[in-house]
């Protein structure tokens, strides 16, 4: 962490992309607790004119625009001293430009910190980069460069010199992985002390487009699907809620717990409080728990962050009931895991007629059906006739684009099971009244990929560098975005490893964190509209 001598007030300049990183990293530092900082954006040059009693910490990406801004800043310095911290490698030409512009000798330090992205937690990394594809689903040049930079910074941050592999049928992955491999060879000095115990897999979203279309039932994934998480924040009942495992023990323990377990765990905490205070209140539902928290404000003081989870679970429960999501989700699971066409088609027709079914759920059910039964004598056209006229054209066009991107011939043959190693099991969730029993059967294709990597069966993932000496770590970067269902799988895998079950540690990374809304937006954008369903 950045340490500066003295207790003087300081200004911290950031760019648009480093602002979330600063929020995540600096809030935890001792220096922030002991000293006073003014935060500002580097492009807001007029906002703090000539405050010579301030030191200035600059934390920005080493882009051409930011280098230009720094050159102007150093030519006419507003502050007494400058400490320059870049999120990635800076080329020698840019360093020379900065040195030549510092005629007043105000720069005290220049460092590369390799924080070129948002570490949501130690095994989950994102760039917050959306809409990366052009009309042909080629990654735009600026996005490819941003992804390459993010991967390189992640490798340097973790001190890994990996075996670089990419998804064979993805030109996008080949281009990005090749640039990463070239950088490692060219700048081998940066990787001199890095361990060769890691495999980097660059894969593309079209390998599994079913996962982003599913409703979710583990806590973090469910919050993102229904309320949308952005940099570990969401909005619930018009209040901004921070969900960080670093400062929230309940969230840390329940990130991958299923919906029924969350309600039961909250009830247990309230029951323990009741016992201590000799209170006898019957808690049969989430609404009962919400009322209890309102009636006993001292519980908030003792329980810390638990009260906000009562509100969150209450909101999620309300949405589940209002939109009939248990029935919708059960059908989604039947489509992706069972594959009985007659059973699926009849249930879809029934839900399309149900007044509780949201537009977004009509989208996802029809698209999952089209994906699952593509190439067979499916009844997609007749299903489209059942949707409201205002949605028919939009769903039809989006479905066509989606199948073109990730349909038959693009995704693995065993995406929906078959001879896959995916273990399809029903898991019944027991919970409170108001949190009905549901089952989940789907596993993301990422599970099969990690298993193949563990067994060294990566024939469809060509190697662009030297093989690693040991395969103790796997870094998976998903071009097109990762999901919290995949993040939950990775977290559970790493927890088992920590408990002594063996296997490599896994880090999941992507250009963004998807939910159904953001995923459908990407496809609807390619036929000129924004998805009305979401």
Protein backbone atom coordinates (compact mmCIF):
# COMPACT_ATOMS: atom_id res chain seq x y z
CA UNK A 1 0.00 0.00 0.00
CA UNK A 2 1.11 3.57 -0.66
CA UNK A 3 2.83 5.16 2.33
CA UNK A 4 3.79 8.86 2.48
CA UNK A 5 5.77 10.54 5.21
CA UNK A 6 4.09 13.13 7.41
CA UNK A 7 0.49 13.82 8.37
CA UNK A 8 -0.14 16.55 5.79
CA UNK A 9 -3.45 16.63 3.91
CA UNK A 10 -3.15 15.03 0.47
CA UNK A 11 -5.02 15.00 -2.83
CA UNK A 12 -5.56 11.72 -4.63
CA UNK A 13 -6.15 11.96 -8.38
CA UNK A 14 -7.79 9.06 -10.21
CA UNK A 15 -9.28 8.33 -13.60
CA UNK A 16 -12.75 6.90 -14.28
CA UNK A 17 -11.54 3.28 -14.31
CA UNK A 18 -9.36 3.39 -11.18
CA UNK A 19 -12.03 5.00 -8.98
CA UNK A 20 -13.67 1.64 -8.02
CA UNK A 21 -10.26 0.08 -7.39
CA UNK A 22 -9.36 2.93 -5.03
CA UNK A 23 -12.66 2.45 -3.20
CA UNK A 24 -11.90 -1.25 -2.71
CA UNK A 25 -8.21 -0.95 -1.80
CA UNK A 26 -7.70 2.35 0.01
CA UNK A 27 -10.68 2.06 2.35
CA UNK A 28 -8.91 -0.83 4.09
CA UNK A 29 -5.51 0.83 4.50
CA UNK A 30 -4.07 2.19 7.72
CA UNK A 31 -2.94 5.35 5.98
CA UNK A 32 -6.53 6.21 5.13
CA UNK A 33 -7.57 5.82 8.75
CA UNK A 34 -4.88 8.15 10.05
CA UNK A 35 -4.68 10.86 7.40
CA UNK A 36 -6.99 13.15 5.41
CA UNK A 37 -7.40 12.83 1.67
CA UNK A 38 -9.24 14.82 -0.96
CA UNK A 39 -10.37 12.61 -3.84
CA UNK A 40 -10.65 14.00 -7.34
CA UNK A 41 -10.57 12.88 -10.97
CA UNK A 42 -7.52 13.71 -13.04
CA UNK A 43 -9.65 15.21 -15.82
CA UNK A 44 -11.08 17.79 -13.35
CA UNK A 45 -8.05 20.04 -13.57
CA UNK A 46 -9.94 23.23 -12.73
CA UNK A 47 -11.35 21.83 -9.48
CA UNK A 48 -8.28 22.46 -7.27
CA UNK A 49 -6.14 25.30 -8.54
CA UNK A 50 -2.66 25.82 -7.08
CA UNK A 51 -2.92 24.31 -3.60
CA UNK A 52 0.79 24.27 -2.91
CA UNK A 53 0.45 22.98 0.64
CA UNK A 54 -0.90 19.67 -0.66
CA UNK A 55 0.95 16.58 -1.78
CA UNK A 56 -0.65 14.79 -4.71
CA UNK A 57 -0.98 11.03 -5.12
CA UNK A 58 -1.88 10.02 -8.69
CA UNK A 59 -3.37 6.58 -9.27
CA UNK A 60 -4.32 6.04 -12.92
CA UNK A 61 -4.17 3.63 -15.83
CA UNK A 62 -1.14 4.34 -18.08
CA UNK A 63 -3.28 5.28 -21.10
CA UNK A 64 -2.23 7.83 -23.72
CA UNK A 65 -4.93 10.23 -22.45
CA UNK A 66 -3.75 9.99 -18.85
CA UNK A 67 -0.10 10.45 -19.81
CA UNK A 68 -1.09 13.61 -21.74
CA UNK A 69 -2.99 14.89 -18.68
CA UNK A 70 -0.02 14.22 -16.42
CA UNK A 71 2.38 15.96 -18.78
CA UNK A 72 0.20 19.10 -18.63
CA UNK A 73 -0.11 18.78 -14.86
CA UNK A 74 3.64 18.54 -14.34
CA UNK A 75 4.37 21.39 -16.73
CA UNK A 76 2.19 23.65 -14.55
CA UNK A 77 2.18 21.95 -11.14
CA UNK A 78 -0.58 22.86 -8.71
CA UNK A 79 0.80 20.87 -5.77
CA UNK A 80 4.05 20.69 -3.83
CA UNK A 81 4.87 17.05 -4.58
CA UNK A 82 3.63 14.28 -6.87
CA UNK A 83 3.65 10.53 -6.27
CA UNK A 84 2.75 8.71 -9.48
CA UNK A 85 1.27 5.21 -9.27
CA UNK A 86 0.22 3.37 -12.42
CA UNK A 87 -2.06 0.34 -12.54
CA UNK A 88 0.04 -1.38 -15.20
CA UNK A 89 3.37 -1.25 -17.04
CA UNK A 90 4.44 2.13 -18.43
CA UNK A 91 6.53 2.21 -21.60
CA UNK A 92 9.91 3.95 -21.62
CA UNK A 93 8.78 6.67 -24.03
CA UNK A 94 5.99 7.76 -21.65
CA UNK A 95 8.36 7.76 -18.67
CA UNK A 96 10.72 9.99 -20.66
CA UNK A 97 7.87 12.39 -21.51
CA UNK A 98 6.93 12.65 -17.84
CA UNK A 99 10.53 13.24 -16.79
CA UNK A 100 11.01 15.98 -19.39
CA UNK A 101 7.81 17.74 -18.32
CA UNK A 102 8.84 17.73 -14.63
CA UNK A 103 11.09 20.78 -14.89
CA UNK A 104 10.08 21.88 -11.39
CA UNK A 105 11.22 18.53 -9.94
CA UNK A 106 7.98 17.93 -8.09
CA UNK A 107 7.76 14.18 -8.78
CA UNK A 108 8.99 12.19 -5.79
CA UNK A 109 8.06 8.67 -6.81
CA UNK A 110 6.90 6.63 -9.81
CA UNK A 111 5.67 3.06 -9.37
CA UNK A 112 3.75 0.34 -11.22
CA UNK A 113 1.25 -1.30 -8.86
CA UNK A 114 -0.45 -3.82 -11.22
CA UNK A 115 -4.04 -3.19 -10.09
CA UNK A 116 -5.56 -2.84 -13.55
CA UNK A 117 -9.05 -4.07 -12.75
CA UNK A 118 -11.49 -4.66 -9.91
CA UNK A 119 -10.66 -7.52 -7.50
CA UNK A 120 -14.14 -8.32 -6.19
CA UNK A 121 -12.48 -10.91 -3.95
CA UNK A 122 -9.27 -12.94 -4.01
CA UNK A 123 -10.60 -15.44 -6.56
CA UNK A 124 -12.80 -13.12 -8.65
CA UNK A 125 -11.60 -10.32 -10.94
CA UNK A 126 -13.46 -8.06 -13.37
CA UNK A 127 -12.74 -5.11 -15.66
CA UNK A 128 -16.29 -3.63 -15.65
CA UNK A 129 -16.05 -3.61 -19.45
CA UNK A 130 -19.33 -4.12 -21.33
CA UNK A 131 -20.38 -4.16 -25.02
CA UNK A 132 -17.01 -5.44 -26.23
CA UNK A 133 -18.21 -6.99 -29.51
CA UNK A 134 -18.79 -5.47 -32.95
CA UNK A 135 -21.63 -6.58 -35.24
CA UNK A 136 -19.65 -9.70 -36.26
CA UNK A 137 -18.97 -10.61 -32.63
CA UNK A 138 -15.32 -9.74 -32.99
CA UNK A 139 -13.85 -8.08 -29.91
CA UNK A 140 -13.34 -4.38 -30.61
CA UNK A 141 -9.70 -3.31 -30.73
CA UNK A 142 -9.86 -1.08 -27.65
CA UNK A 143 -11.58 -3.87 -25.69
CA UNK A 144 -9.03 -6.49 -26.77
CA UNK A 145 -6.21 -4.19 -25.64
CA UNK A 146 -7.98 -3.50 -22.32
CA UNK A 147 -8.49 -7.23 -21.70
CA UNK A 148 -4.85 -7.98 -22.54
CA UNK A 149 -3.70 -5.27 -20.11
CA UNK A 150 -6.02 -6.57 -17.39
CA UNK A 151 -4.75 -10.15 -17.74
CA UNK A 152 -1.10 -9.03 -17.69
CA UNK A 153 -1.63 -6.93 -14.54
CA UNK A 154 -3.41 -9.86 -12.86
CA UNK A 155 -0.49 -12.19 -13.67
CA UNK A 156 2.05 -9.69 -12.35
CA UNK A 157 -0.04 -9.04 -9.25
CA UNK A 158 -0.19 -12.79 -8.51
CA UNK A 159 3.45 -13.24 -9.63
CA UNK A 160 2.63 -15.99 -12.09
CA UNK A 161 4.36 -16.90 -15.36
CA UNK A 162 1.68 -19.19 -16.78
CA UNK A 163 1.25 -21.70 -19.55
CA UNK A 164 -0.98 -19.65 -21.88
CA UNK A 165 -3.82 -21.52 -23.55
CA UNK A 166 -6.87 -20.40 -25.51
CA UNK A 167 -10.16 -21.80 -26.78
CA UNK A 168 -9.35 -23.30 -30.19
CA UNK A 169 -12.55 -22.27 -32.00
CA UNK A 170 -12.41 -18.63 -30.85
CA UNK A 171 -10.36 -16.16 -32.94
CA UNK A 172 -11.03 -13.56 -30.22
CA UNK A 173 -9.37 -15.74 -27.59
CA UNK A 174 -6.47 -16.61 -29.88
CA UNK A 175 -5.75 -12.93 -30.54
CA UNK A 176 -5.85 -11.94 -26.86
CA UNK A 177 -3.91 -14.99 -25.61
CA UNK A 178 -1.25 -14.52 -28.31
CA UNK A 179 -0.72 -10.88 -27.27
CA UNK A 180 -0.41 -11.93 -23.63
CA UNK A 181 2.12 -14.65 -24.52
CA UNK A 182 4.13 -12.21 -26.67
CA UNK A 183 4.21 -9.68 -23.83
CA UNK A 184 5.51 -12.31 -21.39
CA UNK A 185 8.31 -13.25 -23.82
CA UNK A 186 9.16 -9.63 -24.62
CA UNK A 187 9.10 -8.39 -20.99
CA UNK A 188 10.55 -11.53 -19.44
CA UNK A 189 12.36 -9.45 -16.82
CA UNK A 190 9.02 -8.58 -15.19
CA UNK A 191 8.31 -12.29 -14.79
CA UNK A 192 11.79 -13.24 -13.60
CA UNK A 193 10.65 -14.10 -10.06
CA UNK A 194 7.18 -15.32 -11.07
CA UNK A 195 6.23 -18.93 -10.40
CA UNK A 196 5.64 -21.35 -13.27
CA UNK A 197 2.85 -23.25 -11.56
CA UNK A 198 -0.18 -21.82 -13.36
CA UNK A 199 -2.30 -22.44 -16.44
CA UNK A 200 -4.03 -19.42 -17.99
CA UNK A 201 -7.13 -20.36 -19.99
CA UNK A 202 -8.65 -17.66 -22.21
CA UNK A 203 -12.13 -18.80 -23.20
CA UNK A 204 -15.17 -17.10 -24.76
CA UNK A 205 -18.71 -16.80 -23.48
CA UNK A 206 -20.24 -18.64 -26.45
CA UNK A 207 -18.88 -21.88 -24.99
CA UNK A 208 -21.71 -21.69 -22.44
CA UNK A 209 -24.52 -19.20 -23.04
CA UNK A 210 -27.02 -21.16 -20.96
CA UNK A 211 -25.54 -20.14 -17.59
CA UNK A 212 -26.14 -16.35 -17.97
CA UNK A 213 -29.80 -17.03 -18.87
CA UNK A 214 -30.71 -18.86 -15.66
CA UNK A 215 -32.32 -17.56 -12.49
CA UNK A 216 -29.99 -18.01 -9.52
CA UNK A 217 -30.52 -19.35 -6.00
CA UNK A 218 -27.19 -18.86 -4.20
CA UNK A 219 -27.10 -15.61 -2.25
CA UNK A 220 -24.60 -13.43 -4.12
CA UNK A 221 -25.70 -14.70 -7.54
CA UNK A 222 -29.35 -14.15 -6.65
CA UNK A 223 -28.69 -10.56 -5.55
CA UNK A 224 -26.89 -9.82 -8.80
CA UNK A 225 -29.63 -11.42 -10.88
CA UNK A 226 -32.49 -9.56 -9.19
CA UNK A 227 -30.96 -6.32 -7.86
CA UNK A 228 -27.66 -6.04 -9.84
CA UNK A 229 -24.35 -5.82 -8.01
CA UNK A 230 -21.85 -3.18 -9.14
CA UNK A 231 -18.46 -3.21 -7.41
CA UNK A 232 -20.01 -5.10 -4.47
CA UNK A 233 -22.87 -2.61 -4.14
CA UNK A 234 -26.58 -2.89 -4.87
CA UNK A 235 -29.70 -0.85 -4.23
CA UNK A 236 -32.42 -2.26 -1.98
CA UNK A 237 -35.51 -0.27 -0.95
CA UNK A 238 -33.87 2.91 -2.31
CA UNK A 239 -30.85 2.36 -0.06
CA UNK A 240 -27.32 1.69 -1.29
CA UNK A 241 -26.08 -1.56 0.26
CA UNK A 242 -22.41 -2.58 0.42
CA UNK A 243 -21.74 -6.32 0.32
CA UNK A 244 -18.10 -7.00 1.15
CA UNK A 245 -16.84 -10.16 2.81
CA UNK A 246 -13.99 -8.10 4.31
CA UNK A 247 -16.38 -6.10 6.51
CA UNK A 248 -19.44 -8.32 6.68
CA UNK A 249 -19.03 -11.67 8.45
CA UNK A 250 -22.57 -12.81 7.69
CA UNK A 251 -22.12 -12.19 3.96
CA UNK A 252 -18.69 -13.87 3.95
CA UNK A 253 -20.19 -17.01 5.52
CA UNK A 254 -23.25 -17.07 3.26
CA UNK A 255 -22.06 -15.91 -0.19
CA UNK A 256 -22.75 -19.28 -1.78
CA UNK A 257 -25.48 -20.43 0.59
CA UNK A 258 -28.79 -21.21 -1.05
CA UNK A 259 -31.86 -19.06 -0.50
CA UNK A 260 -33.47 -21.35 2.07
CA UNK A 261 -30.27 -21.57 4.11
CA UNK A 262 -29.94 -17.77 4.25
CA UNK A 263 -33.37 -17.39 5.82
CA UNK A 264 -32.63 -20.16 8.32
CA UNK A 265 -29.27 -18.63 9.28
CA UNK A 266 -30.85 -15.23 9.92
CA UNK A 267 -33.57 -16.87 11.99
CA UNK A 268 -30.92 -18.65 14.07
CA UNK A 269 -29.15 -15.35 14.88
CA UNK A 270 -32.42 -13.69 15.90
CA UNK A 271 -33.40 -16.70 18.02
CA UNK A 272 -30.05 -16.51 19.86
CA UNK A 273 -30.69 -12.80 20.54
CA UNK A 274 -34.21 -13.57 21.79
CA UNK A 275 -32.87 -16.19 24.17
CA UNK A 276 -30.33 -13.77 25.67
CA UNK A 277 -32.94 -11.03 26.09
CA UNK A 278 -35.71 -13.41 27.20
CA UNK A 279 -37.94 -12.37 24.31
CA UNK A 280 -40.51 -14.79 22.99
CA UNK A 281 -41.59 -13.91 19.43
CA UNK A 282 -42.69 -16.48 16.91
CA UNK A 283 -40.71 -16.11 13.66
CA UNK A 284 -42.37 -18.08 10.90
CA UNK A 285 -41.52 -16.00 7.86
CA UNK A 286 -39.16 -13.37 6.51
CA UNK A 287 -41.80 -10.71 7.15
CA UNK A 288 -41.79 -11.72 10.84
CA UNK A 289 -38.02 -11.25 10.93
CA UNK A 290 -38.23 -7.80 9.29
CA UNK A 291 -40.77 -6.68 11.89
CA UNK A 292 -38.59 -8.04 14.69
CA UNK A 293 -35.58 -5.98 13.52
CA UNK A 294 -37.78 -2.86 13.38
CA UNK A 295 -39.21 -3.47 16.87
CA UNK A 296 -35.85 -4.22 18.52
CA UNK A 297 -33.26 -1.61 17.42
CA UNK A 298 -30.77 -3.00 19.96
CA UNK A 299 -30.55 -6.13 17.77
CA UNK A 300 -29.03 -3.95 15.03
CA UNK A 301 -26.27 -2.84 17.37
CA UNK A 302 -25.44 -6.37 18.47
CA UNK A 303 -25.83 -8.09 15.12
CA UNK A 304 -23.82 -5.55 13.12
CA UNK A 305 -24.57 -6.09 9.43
CA UNK A 306 -27.24 -8.80 9.80
CA UNK A 307 -30.17 -6.35 9.77
CA UNK A 308 -29.39 -5.28 6.19
CA UNK A 309 -29.53 -8.92 5.14
CA UNK A 310 -33.01 -9.19 6.64
CA UNK A 311 -34.01 -6.36 4.28
CA UNK A 312 -32.24 -7.96 1.32
CA UNK A 313 -33.75 -11.39 1.85
CA UNK A 314 -37.15 -9.77 2.33
CA UNK A 315 -36.82 -7.98 -1.01
CA UNK A 316 -35.65 -11.13 -2.78
CA UNK A 317 -38.47 -13.15 -1.24
CA UNK A 318 -41.00 -10.57 -2.38
CA UNK A 319 -39.71 -10.72 -5.96
CA UNK A 320 -39.71 -14.53 -5.94
CA UNK A 321 -43.35 -14.65 -4.89
CA UNK A 322 -44.53 -11.76 -7.03
CA UNK A 323 -43.08 -13.18 -10.26
CA UNK A 324 -43.57 -16.90 -9.62
CA UNK A 325 -39.81 -17.45 -9.90
CA UNK A 326 -39.70 -20.86 -8.24
CA UNK A 327 -41.88 -22.33 -10.95
CA UNK A 328 -40.01 -20.45 -13.68
CA UNK A 329 -36.65 -21.60 -12.32
CA UNK A 330 -37.77 -25.19 -11.99
CA UNK A 331 -38.70 -25.16 -15.67
CA UNK A 332 -35.34 -23.61 -16.61
CA UNK A 333 -33.60 -26.46 -14.78
CA UNK A 334 -35.80 -29.01 -16.55
CA UNK A 335 -34.85 -27.53 -19.93
CA UNK A 336 -31.08 -27.50 -19.36
CA UNK A 337 -30.75 -30.68 -17.30
CA UNK A 338 -33.61 -32.99 -18.24
CA UNK A 339 -34.21 -32.38 -21.94
CA UNK A 340 -37.64 -34.06 -22.13
CA UNK A 341 -39.12 -32.03 -25.01
CA UNK A 342 -42.79 -32.77 -24.35
CA UNK A 343 -42.48 -31.96 -20.66
CA UNK A 344 -40.64 -28.70 -21.43
CA UNK A 345 -42.93 -27.44 -24.20
CA UNK A 346 -46.11 -27.95 -22.18
CA UNK A 347 -44.72 -26.17 -19.11
CA UNK A 348 -43.42 -23.27 -21.23
CA UNK A 349 -46.85 -22.80 -22.81
CA UNK A 350 -48.42 -22.77 -19.37
CA UNK A 351 -46.01 -20.14 -17.99
CA UNK A 352 -46.32 -17.91 -21.06
CA UNK A 353 -50.04 -17.66 -20.23
CA UNK A 354 -49.39 -16.92 -16.56
CA UNK A 355 -49.94 -13.24 -15.73
CA UNK A 356 -47.14 -13.36 -13.12
CA UNK A 357 -44.48 -14.26 -15.70
CA UNK A 358 -42.24 -11.27 -16.37
CA UNK A 359 -41.09 -10.25 -19.83
CA UNK A 360 -37.50 -11.17 -18.97
CA UNK A 361 -38.60 -14.67 -17.97
CA UNK A 362 -40.43 -15.10 -21.27
CA UNK A 363 -37.18 -14.13 -22.99
CA UNK A 364 -35.08 -16.58 -21.00
CA UNK A 365 -37.49 -19.53 -21.25
CA UNK A 366 -37.86 -19.24 -25.02
CA UNK A 367 -34.13 -18.73 -25.53
CA UNK A 368 -33.20 -21.68 -23.33
CA UNK A 369 -35.72 -23.78 -25.25
CA UNK A 370 -34.32 -22.64 -28.62
CA UNK A 371 -30.77 -23.37 -27.47
CA UNK A 372 -31.57 -26.75 -25.91
CA UNK A 373 -33.64 -28.08 -28.80
CA UNK A 374 -31.90 -26.36 -31.72
CA UNK A 375 -31.74 -28.52 -34.82
CA UNK A 376 -34.57 -30.78 -33.74
CA UNK A 377 -38.18 -30.40 -34.82
CA UNK A 378 -38.82 -27.80 -32.15
CA UNK A 379 -41.87 -25.60 -31.78
CA UNK A 380 -40.15 -22.24 -31.49
CA UNK A 381 -42.48 -20.53 -33.97
CA UNK A 382 -45.59 -21.65 -32.14
CA UNK A 383 -44.12 -20.45 -28.83
CA UNK A 384 -43.43 -17.03 -30.33
CA UNK A 385 -47.09 -16.82 -31.28
CA UNK A 386 -47.98 -17.08 -27.59
CA UNK A 387 -45.91 -14.14 -26.35
CA UNK A 388 -47.42 -10.64 -26.22
CA UNK A 389 -47.23 -8.92 -29.65
CA UNK A 390 -45.05 -6.13 -28.19
CA UNK A 391 -42.35 -8.74 -27.40
CA UNK A 392 -42.61 -11.13 -30.33
CA UNK A 393 -40.30 -9.35 -32.78
CA UNK A 394 -37.74 -8.48 -30.10
CA UNK A 395 -37.55 -12.04 -28.76
CA UNK A 396 -37.35 -13.51 -32.26
CA UNK A 397 -34.49 -11.24 -33.33
CA UNK A 398 -32.55 -11.62 -30.08
CA UNK A 399 -33.00 -15.39 -30.23
CA UNK A 400 -31.61 -15.48 -33.77
CA UNK A 401 -28.52 -13.50 -32.75
CA UNK A 402 -28.00 -15.60 -29.64
CA UNK A 403 -28.13 -18.89 -31.58
CA UNK A 404 -25.74 -17.48 -34.17
CA UNK A 405 -23.29 -16.60 -31.40
CA UNK A 406 -23.52 -19.63 -29.13
CA UNK A 407 -25.81 -22.20 -30.71
CA UNK A 408 -25.17 -25.67 -32.12
CA UNK A 409 -21.72 -25.99 -33.66
CA UNK A 410 -20.33 -23.28 -31.39
CA UNK A 411 -20.88 -24.65 -27.90
CA UNK A 412 -19.44 -28.03 -26.75
CA UNK A 413 -21.50 -31.08 -27.64
CA UNK A 414 -21.80 -31.98 -23.94
CA UNK A 415 -22.97 -28.54 -22.75
CA UNK A 416 -26.28 -30.03 -21.59
CA UNK A 417 -24.84 -33.24 -20.19
CA UNK A 418 -24.59 -36.26 -22.46
CA UNK A 419 -21.18 -37.86 -21.86
CA UNK A 420 -19.97 -34.89 -19.81
CA UNK A 421 -18.43 -35.34 -16.39
CA UNK A 422 -21.01 -32.87 -15.09
CA UNK A 423 -22.74 -34.49 -12.17
CA UNK A 424 -26.43 -33.70 -12.48
CA UNK A 425 -28.09 -34.07 -9.10
CA UNK A 426 -31.20 -32.64 -7.53
CA UNK A 427 -30.54 -30.70 -4.36
CA UNK A 428 -33.60 -29.89 -2.29
CA UNK A 429 -33.38 -26.75 -0.22
CA UNK A 430 -35.19 -26.63 3.09
CA UNK A 431 -36.03 -23.26 4.52
CA UNK A 432 -38.55 -21.03 6.20
CA UNK A 433 -42.15 -20.52 5.27
CA UNK A 434 -42.04 -17.99 2.46
CA UNK A 435 -38.88 -19.60 1.11
CA UNK A 436 -40.31 -22.64 -0.60
CA UNK A 437 -38.27 -25.75 -1.34
CA UNK A 438 -36.59 -25.55 -4.73
CA UNK A 439 -34.01 -27.63 -6.53
CA UNK A 440 -31.01 -26.81 -8.66
CA UNK A 441 -29.54 -29.22 -11.15
CA UNK A 442 -27.40 -27.11 -13.47
CA UNK A 443 -23.62 -26.86 -13.27
CA UNK A 444 -21.79 -24.33 -15.46
CA UNK A 445 -19.56 -25.73 -18.22
CA UNK A 446 -16.65 -24.17 -16.34
CA UNK A 447 -16.81 -27.20 -14.04
CA UNK A 448 -16.04 -29.55 -16.95
CA UNK A 449 -13.25 -27.26 -18.14
CA UNK A 450 -11.54 -27.21 -14.74
CA UNK A 451 -11.80 -31.00 -14.56
CA UNK A 452 -10.22 -31.32 -18.02
CA UNK A 453 -7.40 -29.00 -16.97
CA UNK A 454 -6.76 -31.04 -13.82
CA UNK A 455 -6.47 -34.21 -15.92
CA UNK A 456 -4.32 -32.51 -18.57
CA UNK A 457 -6.92 -33.08 -21.31
CA UNK A 458 -6.78 -29.73 -23.08
CA UNK A 459 -6.57 -30.79 -26.73
CA UNK A 460 -9.04 -28.05 -27.71
CA UNK A 461 -7.03 -25.38 -25.88
CA UNK A 462 -3.74 -24.88 -27.77
CA UNK A 463 -0.59 -23.87 -25.88
CA UNK A 464 1.12 -20.58 -26.84
CA UNK A 465 4.01 -20.70 -24.37
CA UNK A 466 6.10 -23.16 -22.40
CA UNK A 467 4.16 -25.65 -20.31
CA UNK A 468 4.05 -24.89 -16.59
CA UNK A 469 6.29 -26.86 -14.24
CA UNK A 470 3.38 -27.67 -11.91
CA UNK A 471 -0.33 -27.08 -12.26
CA UNK A 472 -1.14 -25.71 -8.83
CA UNK A 473 -3.23 -22.79 -10.13
CA UNK A 474 -5.72 -22.15 -12.92
CA UNK A 475 -6.69 -18.67 -14.07
CA UNK A 476 -9.75 -18.62 -16.34
CA UNK A 477 -10.54 -15.42 -18.24
CA UNK A 478 -13.96 -15.40 -19.94
CA UNK A 479 -14.13 -13.05 -22.92
CA UNK A 480 -17.73 -11.89 -22.95
CA UNK A 481 -18.21 -11.90 -19.18
CA UNK A 482 -18.36 -14.25 -16.18
CA UNK A 483 -21.34 -15.06 -13.96
CA UNK A 484 -21.80 -15.35 -10.22
CA UNK A 485 -22.92 -18.97 -10.67
CA UNK A 486 -19.45 -19.66 -12.05
CA UNK A 487 -17.93 -17.57 -9.25
CA UNK A 488 -19.81 -19.67 -6.67
CA UNK A 489 -18.42 -22.85 -8.22
CA UNK A 490 -14.88 -21.44 -8.06
CA UNK A 491 -15.31 -20.30 -4.45
CA UNK A 492 -16.59 -23.71 -3.34
CA UNK A 493 -13.72 -25.41 -5.17
CA UNK A 494 -11.15 -23.19 -3.44
CA UNK A 495 -12.78 -23.74 -0.05
CA UNK A 496 -12.53 -27.52 -0.51
CA UNK A 497 -8.86 -27.10 -1.44
CA UNK A 498 -8.28 -25.09 1.73
CA UNK A 499 -9.87 -27.92 3.72
CA UNK A 500 -7.29 -30.34 2.34
CA UNK A 501 -9.18 -31.96 -0.54
CA UNK A 502 -6.41 -31.04 -3.01
CA UNK A 503 -6.66 -29.81 -6.58
CA UNK A 504 -5.49 -26.50 -8.05
CA UNK A 505 -6.56 -23.08 -6.80
CA UNK A 506 -8.77 -21.30 -9.34
CA UNK A 507 -9.13 -17.59 -10.13
CA UNK A 508 -12.07 -16.52 -12.29
CA UNK A 509 -11.80 -13.33 -14.34
CA UNK A 510 -13.85 -11.66 -17.05
CA UNK A 511 -14.40 -8.36 -18.75
CA UNK A 512 -17.65 -7.97 -16.76
CA UNK A 513 -19.99 -9.76 -14.37
CA UNK A 514 -23.12 -10.80 -16.23
CA UNK A 515 -26.71 -11.25 -15.19
CA UNK A 516 -29.55 -11.98 -17.61
CA UNK A 517 -30.21 -8.27 -18.15
CA UNK A 518 -26.67 -7.36 -19.20
CA UNK A 519 -26.34 -10.55 -21.26
CA UNK A 520 -29.54 -9.90 -23.22
CA UNK A 521 -28.54 -6.26 -23.68
CA UNK A 522 -25.43 -7.44 -25.53
CA UNK A 523 -27.50 -9.46 -28.01
CA UNK A 524 -30.35 -7.01 -28.44
CA UNK A 525 -27.76 -4.31 -29.19
CA UNK A 526 -26.74 -6.30 -32.27
CA UNK A 527 -30.10 -5.84 -33.90
CA UNK A 528 -30.45 -2.18 -33.03
CA UNK A 529 -32.63 -2.16 -29.90
CA UNK A 530 -32.38 -2.29 -26.15
CA UNK A 531 -34.17 -5.25 -24.62
CA UNK A 532 -37.50 -4.06 -23.29
CA UNK A 533 -37.84 -7.19 -21.20
CA UNK A 534 -35.24 -6.03 -18.77
